[in-house]
């Protein structure tokens, strides 16, 4: 079985959930933070992993 699990990415400015992704929780136990484009803010912002 795969150790990957589905995660949601939320904009840190407007708090909309914009992206879904997968990550291996054994290899990366910390919360993921990625610079992505937010269509509500209309600019690149930091997106963090939600619970």
Protein backbone atom coordinates (compact mmCIF):
# COMPACT_ATOMS: atom_id res chain seq x y z
CA UNK A 1 0.00 0.00 0.00
CA UNK A 2 1.05 3.50 -0.70
CA UNK A 3 2.01 5.81 2.16
CA UNK A 4 0.85 8.85 0.20
CA UNK A 5 -2.18 10.69 1.44
CA UNK A 6 -4.24 13.49 -0.04
CA UNK A 7 -3.75 17.00 1.32
CA UNK A 8 -5.44 20.34 0.65
CA UNK A 9 -3.55 23.59 0.19
CA UNK A 10 -4.96 26.82 1.61
CA UNK A 11 -3.98 30.40 0.77
CA UNK A 12 -2.42 32.15 3.77
CA UNK A 13 -3.95 35.52 2.82
CA UNK A 14 -7.58 34.86 1.80
CA UNK A 15 -7.87 31.32 3.32
CA UNK A 16 -9.47 29.74 0.27
CA UNK A 17 -8.65 26.10 -0.38
CA UNK A 18 -7.25 26.21 -3.91
CA UNK A 19 -5.19 23.08 -4.51
CA UNK A 20 -5.15 19.38 -3.73
CA UNK A 21 -1.97 17.38 -3.66
CA UNK A 22 -0.40 14.20 -2.33
CA UNK A 23 2.44 13.71 0.09
CA UNK A 24 4.15 10.91 1.92
CA UNK A 25 3.64 11.63 5.62
CA UNK A 26 6.53 9.38 6.65
CA UNK A 27 9.07 11.24 4.50
CA UNK A 28 7.72 14.77 5.17
CA UNK A 29 6.08 14.90 8.60
CA UNK A 30 6.02 18.72 8.74
CA UNK A 31 3.36 20.85 7.11
CA UNK A 32 4.04 21.69 3.50
CA UNK A 33 4.28 25.37 2.45
CA UNK A 34 4.47 26.20 -1.27
CA UNK A 35 4.33 29.41 -3.28
CA UNK A 36 1.33 29.04 -5.62
CA UNK A 37 -1.05 31.26 -7.61
CA UNK A 38 -4.31 32.20 -5.87
CA UNK A 39 -7.14 33.05 -8.26
CA UNK A 40 -8.99 35.07 -5.61
CA UNK A 41 -5.98 37.20 -4.64
CA UNK A 42 -4.81 37.29 -8.29
CA UNK A 43 -1.15 36.84 -7.31
CA UNK A 44 1.35 34.28 -6.08
CA UNK A 45 0.98 33.66 -2.35
CA UNK A 46 2.11 31.07 0.13
CA UNK A 47 -0.19 28.07 0.40
CA UNK A 48 0.01 25.81 3.42
CA UNK A 49 -1.25 22.35 4.10
CA UNK A 50 -4.58 22.20 5.93
CA UNK A 51 -5.59 19.60 8.50
